[in-house]
Amino acid sequence: MILGTMKIITVPSKELGSRILVEFSGLRSQSFFIINEDGSYKIVASRDGLGEVGTEALYLLHHGQEAEATSLLDWKRDLAGKGQGDDPLGGNLFARLWTTGESRGPRAIELAAASLLSGKSALLSLLPQVIAARKKATTDTERDNFDLLLASIYLRAEDGTNAKLISQRLLNRHSDSATAVALTGQAYSLTKSWSAWKSLLDPRLQTHPNDRSLLLQTAAEAEAEGDLPRARRAFRTLLDSGNALADDYNMYAWLSLFDEQVDDQALEAAQQANLLSKNSNYAYLHTLACLEAARGETAEARQLLLEAMSTGNLEVPNSAIWYGFGRIYEQYGVYDAAAAAYQRVERPDGVIDPTGTFVLAQSRLKALRAN
């Protein structure tokens, strides 16, 4: 039935490679890039893909298909808005590095592809080319673009020292740039330079107390330092400013679970997040369910958890859902079942998010053992 409504449209292009649109009745059209390889057509990238575009562009370049790599990046550039706004360093980094129709070469393809990649090893392999291009830059715009790319690579590689060096260089040239402030803050986070991060944000907040970007970074700094009440206060300021989005309401509500301050304001924020998303967001439904469970509203909490599972296409509970059920079991006094549910919340790989469900589950387990 679904295939019966499908319509494929080839978008005319003089370049190598095919651009197609796939339409299904009642759904947003999907855009794909097709390459003829070994006598058959293969999808190599989709509209929303980033890493796959960068990886494929490098593959084509290194296999003697520079024209196809150029065409692929042109296609992606046509889909990407620059979105710079008032920030001289803002917008899509790939769009800053690649302009459709300009004369290009292997080095330009590598640099543009680097802005789309996320894999640490792939980015580090391109680092020498980016450094060389930065040294040869002749204009301020080129220097800014390559510094943005360098900062991005160092941050993804978790090299806080070099990330701080490059982002500080950007900040020195553009002190009012929200992008430069954000990059510098991320570098400070990697190096655990909490006081430097605060010193970066505090004077700017005094001038722009309702700036959403600054308030989010203030919350991020507090979270990284483990001061979740201060992070929640930053979100409260953001909510009161009138500039909050659904994510901000949800995060304010979620943080209330960490200090067991699930008050009416937290509940109202969780409800607002779901209203803004028309009750269609898994994370927001899950947050509201956990708050309802913490407040003893077990029937509502269970129904919301089931709705969250449906929205998230989950056939069985995942770690986050098990935490919600654990809170419900606690309200019924079935502490063994609650502990078992919390133990099913898996420890995440890598660095543990201080605002993650695993931290909450461990906190509840500790409280159960104490009682």
Protein backbone atom coordinates (compact mmCIF):
# COMPACT_ATOMS: atom_id res chain seq x y z
CA MET A 1 0.00 0.00 0.00
CA ILE A 2 2.84 2.38 0.87
CA LEU A 3 4.79 1.57 -2.28
CA GLY A 4 1.66 2.19 -4.28
CA THR A 5 1.75 5.87 -3.30
CA MET A 6 5.47 6.28 -4.01
CA LYS A 7 6.59 8.67 -6.73
CA ILE A 8 10.22 9.11 -7.80
CA ILE A 9 11.28 12.34 -9.46
CA THR A 10 14.71 12.82 -11.02
CA VAL A 11 15.96 16.38 -10.53
CA PRO A 12 17.70 17.59 -13.70
CA SER A 13 21.41 18.22 -13.28
CA LYS A 14 24.32 18.55 -15.70
CA GLU A 15 26.69 17.12 -13.10
CA LEU A 16 27.58 13.47 -12.60
CA GLY A 17 25.40 11.57 -10.18
CA SER A 18 21.63 11.65 -9.95
CA ARG A 19 19.49 13.72 -7.62
CA ILE A 20 16.10 12.19 -6.91
CA LEU A 21 13.06 13.07 -4.84
CA VAL A 22 10.91 10.30 -3.39
CA GLU A 23 7.37 11.26 -2.46
CA PHE A 24 4.83 9.28 -0.44
CA SER A 25 1.25 10.34 -0.01
CA GLY A 26 0.88 12.57 3.05
CA LEU A 27 4.58 12.55 3.94
CA ARG A 28 7.44 15.00 3.43
CA SER A 29 9.45 14.27 0.28
CA GLN A 30 12.85 12.66 0.72
CA SER A 31 15.93 13.67 -1.27
CA PHE A 32 18.67 11.20 -2.21
CA PHE A 33 21.90 11.26 -4.20
CA ILE A 34 22.47 8.30 -6.53
CA ILE A 35 25.73 7.07 -8.05
CA ASN A 36 26.07 4.64 -10.98
CA GLU A 37 28.61 2.13 -9.75
CA ASP A 38 29.58 -1.11 -11.50
CA GLY A 39 26.52 -0.98 -13.69
CA SER A 40 23.98 -0.45 -10.91
CA TYR A 41 22.54 2.60 -9.17
CA LYS A 42 23.24 3.02 -5.46
CA ILE A 43 21.95 5.49 -2.90
CA VAL A 44 25.01 7.10 -1.28
CA ALA A 45 23.44 9.93 0.72
CA SER A 46 20.12 11.25 2.00
CA ARG A 47 18.90 14.78 2.71
CA ASP A 48 19.49 14.62 6.45
CA GLY A 49 22.79 12.76 6.28
CA LEU A 50 26.02 14.49 7.26
CA GLY A 51 28.72 11.94 7.99
CA GLU A 52 27.62 9.74 5.10
CA VAL A 53 28.03 12.65 2.67
CA GLY A 54 31.49 13.50 3.93
CA THR A 55 32.59 9.85 3.91
CA GLU A 56 31.27 9.25 0.40
CA ALA A 57 32.82 12.47 -0.95
CA LEU A 58 36.24 11.36 0.34
CA TYR A 59 35.72 7.85 -1.05
CA LEU A 60 34.86 9.19 -4.50
CA LEU A 61 37.77 11.62 -4.44
CA HIS A 62 40.28 8.93 -3.49
CA HIS A 63 38.95 6.53 -6.15
CA GLY A 64 39.39 8.81 -9.13
CA GLN A 65 35.88 10.25 -9.14
CA GLU A 66 36.53 13.89 -8.26
CA ALA A 67 33.69 15.09 -10.50
CA GLU A 68 31.20 12.87 -8.69
CA ALA A 69 32.53 14.04 -5.30
CA THR A 70 32.09 17.65 -6.39
CA SER A 71 28.56 16.95 -7.60
CA LEU A 72 27.68 15.25 -4.31
CA LEU A 73 28.88 18.23 -2.27
CA ASP A 74 27.06 20.64 -4.60
CA TRP A 75 23.87 18.67 -3.99
CA LYS A 76 24.35 18.83 -0.24
CA ARG A 77 25.14 22.54 -0.39
CA ASP A 78 21.93 23.25 -2.29
CA LEU A 79 20.00 21.61 0.55
CA ALA A 80 21.88 23.40 3.34
CA GLY A 81 20.97 26.94 4.31
CA LYS A 82 23.77 29.13 5.58
CA GLY A 83 21.73 30.54 8.47
CA GLN A 84 24.41 32.91 9.69
CA GLY A 85 22.20 35.67 11.11
CA ASP A 86 23.93 38.42 13.06
CA ASP A 87 26.76 36.18 14.26
CA PRO A 88 29.87 36.61 12.07
CA LEU A 89 30.85 33.03 12.92
CA GLY A 90 27.35 31.57 12.93
CA GLY A 91 25.58 29.29 10.54
CA ASN A 92 26.33 26.03 8.83
CA LEU A 93 30.09 25.39 8.74
CA PHE A 94 29.84 23.25 5.61
CA ALA A 95 27.98 26.07 3.86
CA ARG A 96 30.78 28.46 4.83
CA LEU A 97 33.38 26.18 3.27
CA TRP A 98 31.64 25.11 0.07
CA THR A 99 29.93 27.21 -2.57
CA THR A 100 28.05 25.50 -5.40
CA GLY A 101 29.45 26.09 -8.87
CA GLU A 102 32.85 27.45 -7.89
CA SER A 103 36.03 25.95 -9.30
CA ARG A 104 37.19 23.35 -6.79
CA GLY A 105 39.91 20.76 -6.32
CA PRO A 106 40.91 17.82 -4.09
CA ARG A 107 41.95 20.02 -1.16
CA ALA A 108 38.65 21.92 -1.13
CA ILE A 109 36.72 18.62 -1.23
CA GLU A 110 38.69 17.28 1.73
CA LEU A 111 38.12 20.42 3.80
CA ALA A 112 34.39 20.53 3.06
CA ALA A 113 34.05 16.82 3.80
CA ALA A 114 35.84 17.32 7.12
CA SER A 115 33.10 19.71 8.25
CA LEU A 116 30.54 16.92 7.80
CA LEU A 117 32.38 14.06 9.47
CA SER A 118 31.96 13.01 13.09
CA GLY A 119 34.30 10.04 13.41
CA LYS A 120 37.41 10.86 15.44
CA SER A 121 39.89 8.85 13.35
CA ALA A 122 38.62 10.24 10.04
CA LEU A 123 38.81 13.81 11.33
CA LEU A 124 42.30 13.41 12.72
CA SER A 125 43.49 12.00 9.39
CA LEU A 126 42.43 15.27 7.75
CA LEU A 127 43.91 17.50 10.45
CA PRO A 128 47.24 18.14 8.62
CA GLN A 129 45.37 19.38 5.55
CA VAL A 130 43.25 21.75 7.63
CA ILE A 131 46.30 23.14 9.45
CA ALA A 132 48.09 23.66 6.13
CA ALA A 133 45.06 25.44 4.67
CA ARG A 134 44.85 27.70 7.74
CA LYS A 135 48.49 28.72 7.31
CA LYS A 136 47.88 29.62 3.65
CA ALA A 137 44.67 31.60 4.32
CA THR A 138 44.86 35.12 2.91
CA THR A 139 41.60 36.68 4.10
CA ASP A 140 39.96 37.10 7.50
CA THR A 141 36.96 35.09 6.33
CA GLU A 142 39.18 32.17 5.33
CA ARG A 143 41.03 32.32 8.64
CA ASP A 144 37.73 32.30 10.53
CA ASN A 145 36.37 29.36 8.53
CA PHE A 146 39.47 27.23 9.01
CA ASP A 147 39.67 28.10 12.70
CA LEU A 148 36.04 27.04 13.07
CA LEU A 149 36.88 23.75 11.38
CA LEU A 150 39.97 23.25 13.54
CA ALA A 151 38.03 23.97 16.73
CA SER A 152 35.34 21.52 15.64
CA ILE A 153 37.90 18.77 14.98
CA TYR A 154 39.73 19.29 18.27
CA LEU A 155 36.46 19.27 20.21
CA ARG A 156 35.28 16.05 18.58
CA ALA A 157 38.70 14.55 19.24
CA GLU A 158 38.36 15.70 22.90
CA ASP A 159 41.62 17.64 22.64
CA GLY A 160 40.70 20.39 25.09
CA THR A 161 44.08 22.13 25.04
CA ASN A 162 44.15 22.78 21.30
CA ALA A 163 40.40 23.40 21.19
CA LYS A 164 40.82 26.13 23.81
CA LEU A 165 43.71 27.68 21.86
CA ILE A 166 41.76 27.89 18.60
CA SER A 167 38.43 28.95 20.11
CA GLN A 168 40.16 31.66 22.13
CA ARG A 169 41.70 32.91 18.91
CA LEU A 170 38.23 33.17 17.40
CA LEU A 171 36.92 34.88 20.53
CA ASN A 172 39.73 37.45 20.41
CA ARG A 173 38.67 38.41 16.88
CA HIS A 174 34.90 38.25 17.50
CA SER A 175 34.21 38.90 21.19
CA ASP A 176 30.43 39.22 20.63
CA SER A 177 30.08 36.01 18.63
CA ALA A 178 27.77 33.47 20.28
CA THR A 179 29.53 30.75 18.29
CA ALA A 180 32.96 31.73 19.61
CA VAL A 181 31.63 31.85 23.18
CA ALA A 182 30.02 28.42 22.79
CA LEU A 183 33.17 26.84 21.31
CA THR A 184 35.32 28.32 24.06
CA GLY A 185 32.90 27.02 26.68
CA GLN A 186 33.07 23.51 25.21
CA ALA A 187 36.86 23.68 25.34
CA TYR A 188 36.73 24.80 28.98
CA SER A 189 34.44 21.86 29.69
CA LEU A 190 37.00 19.42 28.30
CA THR A 191 39.78 20.96 30.40
CA LYS A 192 37.50 21.35 33.46
CA SER A 193 38.29 25.07 33.59
CA TRP A 194 35.15 25.93 35.54
CA SER A 195 36.21 29.37 36.80
CA ALA A 196 37.35 30.41 33.33
CA TRP A 197 34.02 29.27 31.88
CA LYS A 198 32.09 31.28 34.47
CA SER A 199 34.30 34.33 33.84
CA LEU A 200 33.49 34.01 30.15
CA LEU A 201 29.72 33.90 30.68
CA ASP A 202 29.01 36.14 33.70
CA PRO A 203 29.88 39.56 32.20
CA ARG A 204 27.98 38.71 29.03
CA LEU A 205 24.92 37.69 31.04
CA GLN A 206 25.00 41.00 32.87
CA THR A 207 24.66 42.74 29.52
CA HIS A 208 22.21 40.21 28.03
CA PRO A 209 20.42 38.58 30.99
CA ASN A 210 17.73 36.93 28.85
CA ASP A 211 19.97 35.64 26.07
CA ARG A 212 18.95 32.01 25.48
CA SER A 213 22.37 30.87 24.26
CA LEU A 214 24.15 32.32 27.30
CA LEU A 215 21.62 30.88 29.74
CA LEU A 216 21.92 27.43 28.14
CA GLN A 217 25.70 27.62 28.44
CA THR A 218 25.37 28.71 32.06
CA ALA A 219 23.21 25.66 32.70
CA ALA A 220 25.71 23.45 30.83
CA GLU A 221 28.59 24.78 32.95
CA ALA A 222 26.65 24.13 36.15
CA GLU A 223 25.73 20.61 35.00
CA ALA A 224 29.33 19.83 34.06
CA GLU A 225 30.46 20.99 37.51
CA GLY A 226 27.75 18.87 39.15
CA ASP A 227 25.77 21.84 40.47
CA LEU A 228 22.34 20.81 39.18
CA PRO A 229 20.31 23.22 41.37
CA ARG A 230 22.21 26.13 39.80
CA ALA A 231 21.58 24.64 36.35
CA ARG A 232 17.87 24.47 37.15
CA ARG A 233 17.88 28.13 38.22
CA ALA A 234 19.39 29.05 34.86
CA PHE A 235 16.58 27.22 33.09
CA ARG A 236 14.02 28.95 35.33
CA THR A 237 15.44 32.32 34.25
CA LEU A 238 15.17 31.19 30.64
CA LEU A 239 11.55 30.12 31.09
CA ASP A 240 10.68 33.44 32.74
CA SER A 241 12.38 35.37 29.91
CA GLY A 242 9.81 34.28 27.33
CA ASN A 243 12.51 32.89 25.03
CA ALA A 244 12.20 29.25 26.06
CA LEU A 245 11.57 26.38 23.66
CA ALA A 246 10.04 22.98 24.39
CA ASP A 247 13.48 21.51 25.15
CA ASP A 248 14.06 24.16 27.81
CA TYR A 249 10.74 23.43 29.56
CA ASN A 250 11.52 19.73 29.47
CA MET A 251 15.03 20.13 30.90
CA TYR A 252 13.82 22.36 33.73
CA ALA A 253 11.26 19.72 34.66
CA TRP A 254 13.75 16.84 34.32
CA LEU A 255 16.29 18.47 36.65
CA SER A 256 13.68 18.58 39.41
CA LEU A 257 14.07 14.80 39.77
CA PHE A 258 17.69 15.12 40.87
CA ASP A 259 16.99 17.01 44.08
CA GLU A 260 13.47 15.60 44.56
CA GLN A 261 11.95 19.06 44.02
CA VAL A 262 9.10 17.89 41.81
CA ASP A 263 6.96 20.90 42.56
CA ASP A 264 4.04 22.42 40.67
CA GLN A 265 6.37 24.57 38.57
CA ALA A 266 8.24 21.48 37.40
CA LEU A 267 4.99 19.70 36.52
CA GLU A 268 3.69 22.74 34.63
CA ALA A 269 6.95 22.95 32.67
CA ALA A 270 6.74 19.27 31.69
CA GLN A 271 3.13 19.74 30.60
CA GLN A 272 4.09 22.82 28.56
CA ALA A 273 6.82 20.88 26.75
CA ASN A 274 4.26 18.26 25.77
CA LEU A 275 1.72 20.84 24.70
CA LEU A 276 4.29 22.52 22.46
CA SER A 277 5.17 19.17 20.90
CA LYS A 278 1.53 18.04 20.65
CA ASN A 279 2.29 15.04 22.87
CA SER A 280 4.40 13.48 20.13
CA ASN A 281 7.89 13.59 21.67
CA TYR A 282 9.23 10.50 23.42
CA ALA A 283 11.58 12.37 25.78
CA TYR A 284 8.95 14.89 26.87
CA LEU A 285 6.36 12.18 27.54
CA HIS A 286 8.94 10.23 29.53
CA THR A 287 9.83 13.27 31.64
CA LEU A 288 6.19 13.96 32.47
CA ALA A 289 5.67 10.29 33.33
CA CYS A 290 8.60 10.31 35.76
CA LEU A 291 7.37 13.49 37.42
CA GLU A 292 3.87 12.07 37.81
CA ALA A 293 5.35 8.91 39.34
CA ALA A 294 7.48 10.92 41.77
CA ARG A 295 4.35 12.80 42.85
CA GLY A 296 2.40 9.58 43.45
CA GLU A 297 0.17 9.80 40.38
CA THR A 298 0.88 6.21 39.41
CA ALA A 299 -2.00 5.61 36.98
CA GLU A 300 -1.14 8.72 34.97
CA ALA A 301 2.56 7.85 35.07
CA ARG A 302 2.00 4.31 33.75
CA GLN A 303 -0.19 5.54 30.90
CA LEU A 304 2.38 8.17 29.92
CA LEU A 305 5.18 5.59 29.94
CA LEU A 306 3.15 3.40 27.58
CA GLU A 307 2.51 6.42 25.34
CA ALA A 308 6.21 7.22 25.37
CA MET A 309 7.02 3.64 24.33
CA SER A 310 4.53 3.87 21.50
CA THR A 311 5.92 7.22 20.34
CA GLY A 312 9.48 5.89 20.53
CA ASN A 313 8.53 2.67 18.68
CA LEU A 314 9.68 0.56 21.63
CA GLU A 315 8.36 -3.00 21.87
CA VAL A 316 10.00 -3.52 25.27
CA PRO A 317 11.10 -0.98 27.92
CA ASN A 318 14.54 0.57 27.53
CA SER A 319 16.68 1.92 30.39
CA ALA A 320 14.78 5.21 30.63
CA ILE A 321 11.39 3.46 30.74
CA TRP A 322 12.61 1.06 33.43
CA TYR A 323 13.54 4.03 35.60
CA GLY A 324 9.98 5.34 35.26
CA PHE A 325 8.52 1.98 36.26
CA GLY A 326 10.91 1.89 39.21
CA ARG A 327 9.43 5.14 40.48
CA ILE A 328 5.94 3.67 40.17
CA TYR A 329 6.90 0.49 42.04
CA GLU A 330 8.33 2.62 44.86
CA GLN A 331 5.00 4.39 45.27
CA TYR A 332 3.29 1.00 45.70
CA GLY A 333 5.91 -0.04 48.27
CA VAL A 334 7.17 -2.92 46.10
CA TYR A 335 10.79 -2.07 46.78
CA ASP A 336 12.32 -5.29 45.42
CA ALA A 337 10.63 -4.67 42.07
CA ALA A 338 11.74 -1.04 42.15
CA ALA A 339 15.35 -2.03 42.79
CA ALA A 340 15.19 -4.60 39.99
CA ALA A 341 13.87 -1.94 37.61
CA TYR A 342 16.61 0.52 38.54
CA GLN A 343 19.23 -2.17 38.03
CA ARG A 344 18.02 -2.56 34.45
CA VAL A 345 19.06 1.01 33.71
CA GLU A 346 22.29 0.36 31.82
CA ARG A 347 25.49 2.25 32.46
CA PRO A 348 26.25 4.32 29.31
CA ASP A 349 29.55 3.98 27.47
CA GLY A 350 32.16 6.68 27.92
CA VAL A 351 31.65 9.73 30.11
CA ILE A 352 28.52 9.55 32.26
CA ASP A 353 26.10 12.43 31.72
CA PRO A 354 25.46 14.03 35.15
CA THR A 355 21.86 14.63 34.05
CA GLY A 356 21.33 11.15 32.64
CA THR A 357 18.84 8.49 33.72
CA PHE A 358 21.65 6.22 34.96
CA VAL A 359 22.59 8.79 37.63
CA LEU A 360 18.98 9.02 38.76
CA ALA A 361 18.63 5.25 38.94
CA GLN A 362 21.80 4.90 41.00
CA SER A 363 20.55 7.60 43.35
CA ARG A 364 17.26 5.76 43.91
CA LEU A 365 19.08 2.47 44.48
CA LYS A 366 21.24 4.16 47.13
CA ALA A 367 18.12 5.57 48.82
CA LEU A 368 16.45 2.14 48.82
CA ARG A 369 19.48 0.48 50.39
CA ALA A 370 19.64 3.19 53.04
CA ASN A 371 16.03 2.48 54.02
